[in-house]
Amino acid sequence: MSADPGAGVRVALTAAEWELVSALRDVPGSPLKQRIDELLAELVRFARDPRCTEIQADGVPCTATTPDCESCRKVTDLIDTLKGRLAAR
């Protein structure tokens, strides 16, 4: 068994997904790379299950990130702030 859990996995990716995967692989191994990996993992975990108050009665998470939801608004505002800071550099 391989130490790499993704070794040999074949999956279809969109062009945007492939671009992201390729860009992540281009970042040299370093503490910065580790922090980027951790940040992206946390962001994806949140997006998959935001645990917002808008959860439906059957337990299914809300599928819309609207400005009305405080949980989603906090994250989208943070993402917008990060994007703005990166664009300004």
PDB file of N, CA and C in Angstrom:
ATOM      1  N   MET A   1       0.839  -1.182   0.000  1.00  0.00           N
ATOM      2  CA  MET A   1       0.000   0.000   0.000  1.00  0.00           C
ATOM      3  C   MET A   1       0.883   1.244   0.000  1.00  0.00           C
ATOM      4  N   SER A   2       0.506   2.212  -0.783  1.00  0.00           N
ATOM      5  CA  SER A   2       1.292   3.436  -0.910  1.00  0.00           C
ATOM      6  C   SER A   2       1.065   4.364   0.279  1.00  0.00           C
ATOM      7  N   ALA A   3       2.110   5.119   0.627  1.00  0.00           N
ATOM      8  CA  ALA A   3       1.981   6.105   1.694  1.00  0.00           C
ATOM      9  C   ALA A   3       1.149   7.290   1.227  1.00  0.00           C
ATOM     10  N   ASP A   4       1.015   7.471  -0.076  1.00  0.00           N
ATOM     11  CA  ASP A   4       0.247   8.569  -0.653  1.00  0.00           C
ATOM     12  C   ASP A   4      -1.190   8.093  -0.873  1.00  0.00           C
ATOM     13  N   PRO A   5      -2.173   8.645  -0.113  1.00  0.00           N
ATOM     14  CA  PRO A   5      -3.545   8.162  -0.254  1.00  0.00           C
ATOM     15  C   PRO A   5      -4.138   8.433  -1.632  1.00  0.00           C
ATOM     16  N   GLY A   6      -3.572   9.368  -2.394  1.00  0.00           N
ATOM     17  CA  GLY A   6      -4.094   9.676  -3.714  1.00  0.00           C
ATOM     18  C   GLY A   6      -3.366   8.967  -4.839  1.00  0.00           C
ATOM     19  N   ALA A   7      -2.368   8.144  -4.508  1.00  0.00           N
ATOM     20  CA  ALA A   7      -1.574   7.477  -5.538  1.00  0.00           C
ATOM     21  C   ALA A   7      -2.458   6.563  -6.383  1.00  0.00           C
ATOM     22  N   GLY A   8      -2.364   6.730  -7.672  1.00  0.00           N
ATOM     23  CA  GLY A   8      -3.084   5.866  -8.592  1.00  0.00           C
ATOM     24  C   GLY A   8      -4.556   6.224  -8.767  1.00  0.00           C
ATOM     25  N   VAL A   9      -5.023   7.261  -8.131  1.00  0.00           N
ATOM     26  CA  VAL A   9      -6.424   7.648  -8.252  1.00  0.00           C
ATOM     27  C   VAL A   9      -6.623   8.392  -9.568  1.00  0.00           C
ATOM     28  N   ARG A  10      -7.622   7.974 -10.302  1.00  0.00           N
ATOM     29  CA  ARG A  10      -7.942   8.639 -11.565  1.00  0.00           C
ATOM     30  C   ARG A  10      -9.306   9.288 -11.409  1.00  0.00           C
ATOM     31  N   VAL A  11      -9.337  10.576 -11.663  1.00  0.00           N
ATOM     32  CA  VAL A  11     -10.586  11.310 -11.539  1.00  0.00           C
ATOM     33  C   VAL A  11     -10.603  12.415 -12.597  1.00  0.00           C
ATOM     34  N   ALA A  12     -11.784  12.670 -13.129  1.00  0.00           N
ATOM     35  CA  ALA A  12     -11.918  13.746 -14.114  1.00  0.00           C
ATOM     36  C   ALA A  12     -11.943  15.079 -13.377  1.00  0.00           C
ATOM     37  N   LEU A  13     -11.144  16.024 -13.849  1.00  0.00           N
ATOM     38  CA  LEU A  13     -11.099  17.360 -13.262  1.00  0.00           C
ATOM     39  C   LEU A  13     -11.529  18.386 -14.293  1.00  0.00           C
ATOM     40  N   THR A  14     -12.168  19.424 -13.805  1.00  0.00           N
ATOM     41  CA  THR A  14     -12.465  20.547 -14.695  1.00  0.00           C
ATOM     42  C   THR A  14     -11.151  21.274 -14.956  1.00  0.00           C
ATOM     43  N   ALA A  15     -11.160  22.162 -15.929  1.00  0.00           N
ATOM     44  CA  ALA A  15      -9.946  22.931 -16.221  1.00  0.00           C
ATOM     45  C   ALA A  15      -9.519  23.753 -15.004  1.00  0.00           C
ATOM     46  N   ALA A  16     -10.485  24.345 -14.306  1.00  0.00           N
ATOM     47  CA  ALA A  16     -10.170  25.156 -13.120  1.00  0.00           C
ATOM     48  C   ALA A  16      -9.589  24.292 -11.999  1.00  0.00           C
ATOM     49  N   GLU A  17     -10.139  23.093 -11.816  1.00  0.00           N
ATOM     50  CA  GLU A  17      -9.619  22.186 -10.785  1.00  0.00           C
ATOM     51  C   GLU A  17      -8.186  21.762 -11.120  1.00  0.00           C
ATOM     52  N   TRP A  18      -7.954  21.436 -12.381  1.00  0.00           N
ATOM     53  CA  TRP A  18      -6.606  21.031 -12.787  1.00  0.00           C
ATOM     54  C   TRP A  18      -5.610  22.168 -12.602  1.00  0.00           C
ATOM     55  N   GLU A  19      -6.034  23.390 -12.926  1.00  0.00           N
ATOM     56  CA  GLU A  19      -5.166  24.553 -12.749  1.00  0.00           C
ATOM     57  C   GLU A  19      -4.804  24.722 -11.268  1.00  0.00           C
ATOM     58  N   LEU A  20      -5.778  24.545 -10.386  1.00  0.00           N
ATOM     59  CA  LEU A  20      -5.532  24.666  -8.949  1.00  0.00           C
ATOM     60  C   LEU A  20      -4.589  23.575  -8.464  1.00  0.00           C
ATOM     61  N   VAL A  21      -4.843  22.345  -8.851  1.00  0.00           N
ATOM     62  CA  VAL A  21      -3.985  21.229  -8.438  1.00  0.00           C
ATOM     63  C   VAL A  21      -2.556  21.453  -8.948  1.00  0.00           C
ATOM     64  N   SER A  22      -2.426  21.850 -10.195  1.00  0.00           N
ATOM     65  CA  SER A  22      -1.098  22.090 -10.767  1.00  0.00           C
ATOM     66  C   SER A  22      -0.376  23.216 -10.040  1.00  0.00           C
ATOM     67  N   ALA A  23      -1.107  24.290  -9.742  1.00  0.00           N
ATOM     68  CA  ALA A  23      -0.497  25.415  -9.041  1.00  0.00           C
ATOM     69  C   ALA A  23      -0.049  25.015  -7.640  1.00  0.00           C
ATOM     70  N   LEU A  24      -0.852  24.232  -6.952  1.00  0.00           N
ATOM     71  CA  LEU A  24      -0.470  23.762  -5.613  1.00  0.00           C
ATOM     72  C   LEU A  24       0.774  22.884  -5.672  1.00  0.00           C
ATOM     73  N   ARG A  25       0.859  22.062  -6.691  1.00  0.00           N
ATOM     74  CA  ARG A  25       2.026  21.183  -6.826  1.00  0.00           C
ATOM     75  C   ARG A  25       3.283  21.967  -7.158  1.00  0.00           C
ATOM     76  N   ASP A  26       3.134  23.153  -7.758  1.00  0.00           N
ATOM     77  CA  ASP A  26       4.282  23.982  -8.113  1.00  0.00           C
ATOM     78  C   ASP A  26       4.876  24.737  -6.927  1.00  0.00           C
ATOM     79  N   VAL A  27       4.124  24.842  -5.838  1.00  0.00           N
ATOM     80  CA  VAL A  27       4.636  25.547  -4.657  1.00  0.00           C
ATOM     81  C   VAL A  27       5.672  24.648  -3.985  1.00  0.00           C
ATOM     82  N   PRO A  28       6.904  25.141  -3.807  1.00  0.00           N
ATOM     83  CA  PRO A  28       7.936  24.303  -3.200  1.00  0.00           C
ATOM     84  C   PRO A  28       7.580  23.932  -1.762  1.00  0.00           C
ATOM     85  N   GLY A  29       7.999  22.735  -1.369  1.00  0.00           N
ATOM     86  CA  GLY A  29       7.783  22.291   0.006  1.00  0.00           C
ATOM     87  C   GLY A  29       8.430  23.262   0.981  1.00  0.00           C
ATOM     88  N   SER A  30       7.639  23.767   1.917  1.00  0.00           N
ATOM     89  CA  SER A  30       8.125  24.758   2.871  1.00  0.00           C
ATOM     90  C   SER A  30       7.045  24.964   3.922  1.00  0.00           C
ATOM     91  N   PRO A  31       7.368  25.699   4.987  1.00  0.00           N
ATOM     92  CA  PRO A  31       6.324  26.036   5.962  1.00  0.00           C
ATOM     93  C   PRO A  31       5.169  26.814   5.317  1.00  0.00           C
ATOM     94  N   LEU A  32       5.480  27.659   4.322  1.00  0.00           N
ATOM     95  CA  LEU A  32       4.426  28.394   3.629  1.00  0.00           C
ATOM     96  C   LEU A  32       3.496  27.430   2.897  1.00  0.00           C
ATOM     97  N   LYS A  33       4.050  26.457   2.203  1.00  0.00           N
ATOM     98  CA  LYS A  33       3.249  25.458   1.488  1.00  0.00           C
ATOM     99  C   LYS A  33       2.353  24.715   2.467  1.00  0.00           C
ATOM    100  N   GLN A  34       2.889  24.350   3.619  1.00  0.00           N
ATOM    101  CA  GLN A  34       2.104  23.635   4.626  1.00  0.00           C
ATOM    102  C   GLN A  34       0.933  24.497   5.094  1.00  0.00           C
ATOM    103  N   ARG A  35       1.177  25.779   5.306  1.00  0.00           N
ATOM    104  CA  ARG A  35       0.104  26.675   5.756  1.00  0.00           C
ATOM    105  C   ARG A  35      -0.956  26.857   4.677  1.00  0.00           C
ATOM    106  N   ILE A  36      -0.530  26.928   3.415  1.00  0.00           N
ATOM    107  CA  ILE A  36      -1.476  27.039   2.311  1.00  0.00           C
ATOM    108  C   ILE A  36      -2.345  25.789   2.252  1.00  0.00           C
ATOM    109  N   ASP A  37      -1.715  24.614   2.346  1.00  0.00           N
ATOM    110  CA  ASP A  37      -2.465  23.356   2.326  1.00  0.00           C
ATOM    111  C   ASP A  37      -3.484  23.299   3.461  1.00  0.00           C
ATOM    112  N   GLU A  38      -3.067  23.724   4.657  1.00  0.00           N
ATOM    113  CA  GLU A  38      -3.966  23.705   5.817  1.00  0.00           C
ATOM    114  C   GLU A  38      -5.121  24.684   5.630  1.00  0.00           C
ATOM    115  N   LEU A  39      -4.822  25.879   5.129  1.00  0.00           N
ATOM    116  CA  LEU A  39      -5.866  26.883   4.905  1.00  0.00           C
ATOM    117  C   LEU A  39      -6.891  26.387   3.896  1.00  0.00           C
ATOM    118  N   LEU A  40      -6.420  25.844   2.784  1.00  0.00           N
ATOM    119  CA  LEU A  40      -7.336  25.350   1.760  1.00  0.00           C
ATOM    120  C   LEU A  40      -8.179  24.189   2.269  1.00  0.00           C
ATOM    121  N   ALA A  41      -7.576  23.302   3.055  1.00  0.00           N
ATOM    122  CA  ALA A  41      -8.320  22.182   3.625  1.00  0.00           C
ATOM    123  C   ALA A  41      -9.430  22.688   4.545  1.00  0.00           C
ATOM    124  N   GLU A  42      -9.126  23.672   5.378  1.00  0.00           N
ATOM    125  CA  GLU A  42     -10.139  24.238   6.282  1.00  0.00           C
ATOM    126  C   GLU A  42     -11.246  24.934   5.489  1.00  0.00           C
ATOM    127  N   LEU A  43     -10.881  25.669   4.461  1.00  0.00           N
ATOM    128  CA  LEU A  43     -11.864  26.372   3.642  1.00  0.00           C
ATOM    129  C   LEU A  43     -12.805  25.378   2.955  1.00  0.00           C
ATOM    130  N   VAL A  44     -12.251  24.306   2.424  1.00  0.00           N
ATOM    131  CA  VAL A  44     -13.071  23.290   1.760  1.00  0.00           C
ATOM    132  C   VAL A  44     -13.972  22.589   2.779  1.00  0.00           C
ATOM    133  N   ARG A  45     -13.441  22.282   3.968  1.00  0.00           N
ATOM    134  CA  ARG A  45     -14.271  21.673   5.013  1.00  0.00           C
ATOM    135  C   ARG A  45     -15.455  22.572   5.358  1.00  0.00           C
ATOM    136  N   PHE A  46     -15.204  23.874   5.482  1.00  0.00           N
ATOM    137  CA  PHE A  46     -16.289  24.805   5.779  1.00  0.00           C
ATOM    138  C   PHE A  46     -17.305  24.823   4.644  1.00  0.00           C
ATOM    139  N   ALA A  47     -16.820  24.912   3.408  1.00  0.00           N
ATOM    140  CA  ALA A  47     -17.725  24.997   2.258  1.00  0.00           C
ATOM    141  C   ALA A  47     -18.600  23.751   2.139  1.00  0.00           C
ATOM    142  N   ARG A  48     -18.048  22.596   2.504  1.00  0.00           N
ATOM    143  CA  ARG A  48     -18.812  21.353   2.435  1.00  0.00           C
ATOM    144  C   ARG A  48     -19.903  21.301   3.496  1.00  0.00           C
ATOM    145  N   ASP A  49     -19.645  21.903   4.648  1.00  0.00           N
ATOM    146  CA  ASP A  49     -20.603  21.868   5.747  1.00  0.00           C
ATOM    147  C   ASP A  49     -20.437  23.117   6.605  1.00  0.00           C
ATOM    148  N   PRO A  50     -21.054  24.222   6.200  1.00  0.00           N
ATOM    149  CA  PRO A  50     -20.853  25.479   6.925  1.00  0.00           C
ATOM    150  C   PRO A  50     -21.485  25.523   8.313  1.00  0.00           C
ATOM    151  N   ARG A  51     -22.326  24.557   8.646  1.00  0.00           N
ATOM    152  CA  ARG A  51     -22.996  24.495   9.953  1.00  0.00           C
ATOM    153  C   ARG A  51     -23.703  25.810  10.281  1.00  0.00           C
ATOM    154  N   CYS A  52     -24.336  26.349   9.276  1.00  0.00           N
ATOM    155  CA  CYS A  52     -25.007  27.625   9.490  1.00  0.00           C
ATOM    156  C   CYS A  52     -26.396  27.430  10.077  1.00  0.00           C
ATOM    157  N   THR A  53     -26.960  28.503  10.539  1.00  0.00           N
ATOM    158  CA  THR A  53     -28.290  28.463  11.137  1.00  0.00           C
ATOM    159  C   THR A  53     -29.367  28.258  10.086  1.00  0.00           C
ATOM    160  N   GLU A  54     -28.995  28.332   8.818  1.00  0.00           N
ATOM    161  CA  GLU A  54     -29.953  28.160   7.728  1.00  0.00           C
ATOM    162  C   GLU A  54     -30.162  26.685   7.381  1.00  0.00           C
ATOM    163  N   ILE A  55     -29.646  25.773   8.205  1.00  0.00           N
ATOM    164  CA  ILE A  55     -29.768  24.344   7.916  1.00  0.00           C
ATOM    165  C   ILE A  55     -31.244  23.960   7.802  1.00  0.00           C
ATOM    166  N   GLN A  56     -31.518  23.101   6.885  1.00  0.00           N
ATOM    167  CA  GLN A  56     -32.900  22.701   6.647  1.00  0.00           C
ATOM    168  C   GLN A  56     -33.381  21.749   7.737  1.00  0.00           C
ATOM    169  N   ALA A  57     -34.681  21.606   7.871  1.00  0.00           N
ATOM    170  CA  ALA A  57     -35.274  20.783   8.919  1.00  0.00           C
ATOM    171  C   ALA A  57     -34.815  19.332   8.851  1.00  0.00           C
ATOM    172  N   ASP A  58     -34.525  18.834   7.656  1.00  0.00           N
ATOM    173  CA  ASP A  58     -34.099  17.439   7.515  1.00  0.00           C
ATOM    174  C   ASP A  58     -32.601  17.265   7.748  1.00  0.00           C
ATOM    175  N   GLY A  59     -31.925  18.343   8.163  1.00  0.00           N
ATOM    176  CA  GLY A  59     -30.498  18.256   8.466  1.00  0.00           C
ATOM    177  C   GLY A  59     -29.600  18.546   7.289  1.00  0.00           C
ATOM    178  N   VAL A  60     -30.180  18.747   6.112  1.00  0.00           N
ATOM    179  CA  VAL A  60     -29.392  19.037   4.918  1.00  0.00           C
ATOM    180  C   VAL A  60     -28.916  20.481   5.000  1.00  0.00           C
ATOM    181  N   PRO A  61     -27.606  20.714   4.808  1.00  0.00           N
ATOM    182  CA  PRO A  61     -27.102  22.083   4.874  1.00  0.00           C
ATOM    183  C   PRO A  61     -27.699  22.964   3.791  1.00  0.00           C
ATOM    184  N   CYS A  62     -27.734  24.219   4.093  1.00  0.00           N
ATOM    185  CA  CYS A  62     -28.166  25.228   3.131  1.00  0.00           C
ATOM    186  C   CYS A  62     -27.213  25.182   1.932  1.00  0.00           C
ATOM    187  N   THR A  63     -27.751  25.321   0.737  1.00  0.00           N
ATOM    188  CA  THR A  63     -26.900  25.247  -0.459  1.00  0.00           C
ATOM    189  C   THR A  63     -26.576  26.610  -1.040  1.00  0.00           C
ATOM    190  N   ALA A  64     -27.097  27.675  -0.445  1.00  0.00           N
ATOM    191  CA  ALA A  64     -26.871  29.012  -0.983  1.00  0.00           C
ATOM    192  C   ALA A  64     -26.063  29.850  -0.009  1.00  0.00           C
ATOM    193  N   THR A  65     -24.978  30.432  -0.500  1.00  0.00           N
ATOM    194  CA  THR A  65     -24.187  31.334   0.344  1.00  0.00           C
ATOM    195  C   THR A  65     -24.700  32.740   0.096  1.00  0.00           C
ATOM    196  N   THR A  66     -25.724  33.093   0.829  1.00  0.00           N
ATOM    197  CA  THR A  66     -26.353  34.396   0.658  1.00  0.00           C
ATOM    198  C   THR A  66     -25.838  35.371   1.699  1.00  0.00           C
ATOM    199  N   PRO A  67     -25.938  36.657   1.417  1.00  0.00           N
ATOM    200  CA  PRO A  67     -25.494  37.653   2.383  1.00  0.00           C
ATOM    201  C   PRO A  67     -26.299  37.627   3.680  1.00  0.00           C
ATOM    202  N   ASP A  68     -27.442  36.930   3.693  1.00  0.00           N
ATOM    203  CA  ASP A  68     -28.275  36.875   4.890  1.00  0.00           C
ATOM    204  C   ASP A  68     -27.713  35.939   5.953  1.00  0.00           C
ATOM    205  N   CYS A  69     -26.918  34.985   5.557  1.00  0.00           N
ATOM    206  CA  CYS A  69     -26.392  33.990   6.500  1.00  0.00           C
ATOM    207  C   CYS A  69     -25.101  34.518   7.125  1.00  0.00           C
ATOM    208  N   GLU A  70     -25.094  34.670   8.432  1.00  0.00           N
ATOM    209  CA  GLU A  70     -23.929  35.240   9.114  1.00  0.00           C
ATOM    210  C   GLU A  70     -22.678  34.390   8.929  1.00  0.00           C
ATOM    211  N   SER A  71     -22.825  33.061   9.021  1.00  0.00           N
ATOM    212  CA  SER A  71     -21.663  32.182   8.862  1.00  0.00           C
ATOM    213  C   SER A  71     -21.034  32.333   7.488  1.00  0.00           C
ATOM    214  N   CYS A  72     -21.862  32.275   6.457  1.00  0.00           N
ATOM    215  CA  CYS A  72     -21.340  32.385   5.096  1.00  0.00           C
ATOM    216  C   CYS A  72     -20.790  33.788   4.831  1.00  0.00           C
ATOM    217  N   ARG A  73     -21.467  34.802   5.353  1.00  0.00           N
ATOM    218  CA  ARG A  73     -21.013  36.181   5.140  1.00  0.00           C
ATOM    219  C   ARG A  73     -19.630  36.393   5.729  1.00  0.00           C
ATOM    220  N   LYS A  74     -19.369  35.833   6.910  1.00  0.00           N
ATOM    221  CA  LYS A  74     -18.050  35.986   7.536  1.00  0.00           C
ATOM    222  C   LYS A  74     -16.962  35.406   6.635  1.00  0.00           C
ATOM    223  N   VAL A  75     -17.226  34.230   6.097  1.00  0.00           N
ATOM    224  CA  VAL A  75     -16.215  33.577   5.262  1.00  0.00           C
ATOM    225  C   VAL A  75     -16.077  34.283   3.919  1.00  0.00           C
ATOM    226  N   THR A  76     -17.177  34.640   3.300  1.00  0.00           N
ATOM    227  CA  THR A  76     -17.067  35.318   2.007  1.00  0.00           C
ATOM    228  C   THR A  76     -16.403  36.684   2.172  1.00  0.00           C
ATOM    229  N   ASP A  77     -16.672  37.375   3.280  1.00  0.00           N
ATOM    230  CA  ASP A  77     -15.997  38.656   3.538  1.00  0.00           C
ATOM    231  C   ASP A  77     -14.492  38.452   3.714  1.00  0.00           C
ATOM    232  N   LEU A  78     -14.118  37.407   4.422  1.00  0.00           N
ATOM    233  CA  LEU A  78     -12.703  37.103   4.623  1.00  0.00           C
ATOM    234  C   LEU A  78     -12.035  36.776   3.290  1.00  0.00           C
ATOM    235  N   ILE A  79     -12.691  35.982   2.468  1.00  0.00           N
ATOM    236  CA  ILE A  79     -12.143  35.642   1.153  1.00  0.00           C
ATOM    237  C   ILE A  79     -11.974  36.913   0.309  1.00  0.00           C
ATOM    238  N   ASP A  80     -12.974  37.784   0.342  1.00  0.00           N
ATOM    239  CA  ASP A  80     -12.884  39.037  -0.413  1.00  0.00           C
ATOM    240  C   ASP A  80     -11.724  39.895   0.086  1.00  0.00           C
ATOM    241  N   THR A  81     -11.508  39.932   1.403  1.00  0.00           N
ATOM    242  CA  THR A  81     -10.399  40.693   1.973  1.00  0.00           C
ATOM    243  C   THR A  81      -9.063  40.127   1.504  1.00  0.00           C
ATOM    244  N   LEU A  82      -8.925  38.809   1.555  1.00  0.00           N
ATOM    245  CA  LEU A  82      -7.686  38.170   1.100  1.00  0.00           C
ATOM    246  C   LEU A  82      -7.441  38.443  -0.388  1.00  0.00           C
ATOM    247  N   LYS A  83      -8.493  38.300  -1.200  1.00  0.00           N
ATOM    248  CA  LYS A  83      -8.356  38.565  -2.633  1.00  0.00           C
ATOM    249  C   LYS A  83      -7.927  40.002  -2.883  1.00  0.00           C
ATOM    250  N   GLY A  84      -8.528  40.941  -2.149  1.00  0.00           N
ATOM    251  CA  GLY A  84      -8.170  42.350  -2.307  1.00  0.00           C
ATOM    252  C   GLY A  84      -6.727  42.628  -1.931  1.00  0.00           C
ATOM    253  N   ARG A  85      -6.273  42.028  -0.849  1.00  0.00           N
ATOM    254  CA  ARG A  85      -4.888  42.227  -0.413  1.00  0.00           C
ATOM    255  C   ARG A  85      -3.914  41.622  -1.403  1.00  0.00           C
ATOM    256  N   LEU A  86      -4.245  40.465  -1.937  1.00  0.00           N
ATOM    257  CA  LEU A  86      -3.353  39.827  -2.910  1.00  0.00           C
ATOM    258  C   LEU A  86      -3.322  40.607  -4.216  1.00  0.00           C
ATOM    259  N   ALA A  87      -4.462  41.141  -4.629  1.00  0.00           N
ATOM    260  CA  ALA A  87      -4.509  41.921  -5.866  1.00  0.00           C
ATOM    261  C   ALA A  87      -3.719  43.228  -5.724  1.00  0.00           C
ATOM    262  N   ALA A  88      -3.662  43.760  -4.515  1.00  0.00           N
ATOM    263  CA  ALA A  88      -2.983  45.040  -4.281  1.00  0.00           C
ATOM    264  C   ALA A  88      -1.466  44.910  -4.182  1.00  0.00           C
ATOM    265  N   ARG A  89      -0.973  43.697  -4.115  1.00  0.00           N
ATOM    266  CA  ARG A  89       0.479  43.538  -3.939  1.00  0.00           C
ATOM    267  C   ARG A  89       1.187  43.797  -5.183  1.00  0.00           C
TER     268      ARG A  89
END
